[in-house]
Protein backbone atom coordinates (compact mmCIF):
# COMPACT_ATOMS: atom_id res chain seq x y z
CA MET A 1 0.00 0.00 0.00
CA LYS A 2 1.29 3.46 -0.92
CA ALA A 3 0.12 6.94 -0.02
CA HIS A 4 0.26 10.00 -2.25
CA VAL A 5 -0.57 13.65 -1.59
CA ASP A 6 -1.49 15.83 -4.56
CA LYS A 7 0.38 19.02 -3.70
CA GLU A 8 -1.63 20.97 -6.29
CA THR A 9 -4.78 20.22 -4.27
CA CYS A 10 -3.40 20.22 -0.70
CA ILE A 11 -4.40 23.27 1.36
CA GLY A 12 -1.98 22.62 4.24
CA CYS A 13 -4.63 21.97 6.88
CA GLU A 14 -2.31 19.52 8.72
CA LEU A 15 -5.04 16.91 9.32
CA CYS A 16 -3.13 14.04 7.71
CA PRO A 17 0.07 14.32 9.80
CA ASN A 18 -2.05 14.82 12.91
CA ILE A 19 -3.95 11.60 12.15
CA CYS A 20 -1.03 9.53 10.80
CA PRO A 21 2.40 11.12 11.43
CA GLU A 22 4.13 7.86 10.50
CA VAL A 23 3.04 8.34 6.88
CA PHE A 24 2.41 12.07 6.38
CA ARG A 25 4.41 15.18 7.25
CA MET A 26 4.34 18.86 6.46
CA GLU A 27 7.07 20.31 4.25
CA ASP A 28 8.70 23.73 4.41
CA ASP A 29 6.26 25.01 1.78
CA GLY A 30 3.37 24.39 4.21
CA LEU A 31 1.96 21.48 2.23
CA ALA A 32 1.73 17.83 3.16
CA VAL A 33 3.74 14.98 1.70
CA ALA A 34 3.57 11.21 2.15
CA ILE A 35 6.51 8.91 2.79
CA ASP A 36 8.08 7.53 -0.38
CA VAL A 37 7.99 3.89 0.68
CA GLU A 38 5.28 1.35 1.33
CA VAL A 39 2.90 2.32 4.12
CA PRO A 40 3.82 0.16 7.12
CA SER A 41 1.13 -2.45 7.73
CA ASP A 42 0.64 -1.13 11.26
CA ASN A 43 -0.33 2.26 9.80
CA GLU A 44 -2.62 1.25 6.94
CA ASP A 45 -5.84 1.96 8.86
CA THR A 46 -4.74 5.42 10.03
CA ALA A 47 -3.41 6.27 6.55
CA LYS A 48 -6.86 5.43 5.13
CA GLU A 49 -8.44 7.48 7.92
CA ALA A 50 -6.29 10.46 6.89
CA GLU A 51 -7.33 9.95 3.25
CA GLU A 52 -11.01 10.01 4.23
CA ALA A 53 -10.53 13.05 6.49
CA CYS A 54 -8.82 15.22 3.85
CA PRO A 55 -11.23 18.11 3.19
CA VAL A 56 -10.06 18.56 -0.43
CA ASP A 57 -9.50 14.89 -1.37
CA ALA A 58 -5.77 15.46 -1.98
CA ILE A 59 -4.75 12.05 -0.59
CA GLU A 60 -4.79 8.68 -2.29
CA VAL A 61 -3.93 5.54 -0.35
CA SER A 62 -3.97 2.35 -2.39
């Protein structure tokens, strides 16, 4: 499972790193980014929760 944040859509609300800091973090530009490796199996549920919580649907976890 991988996570991706569309930086063109992200509004920098910080929900995703607050929900799943193991997968998402904020960058210096104020926008979120996902880790570049497979989502750890222990974090799959919270990564999906962050995807569902994103107010602008900028996250894809698949």
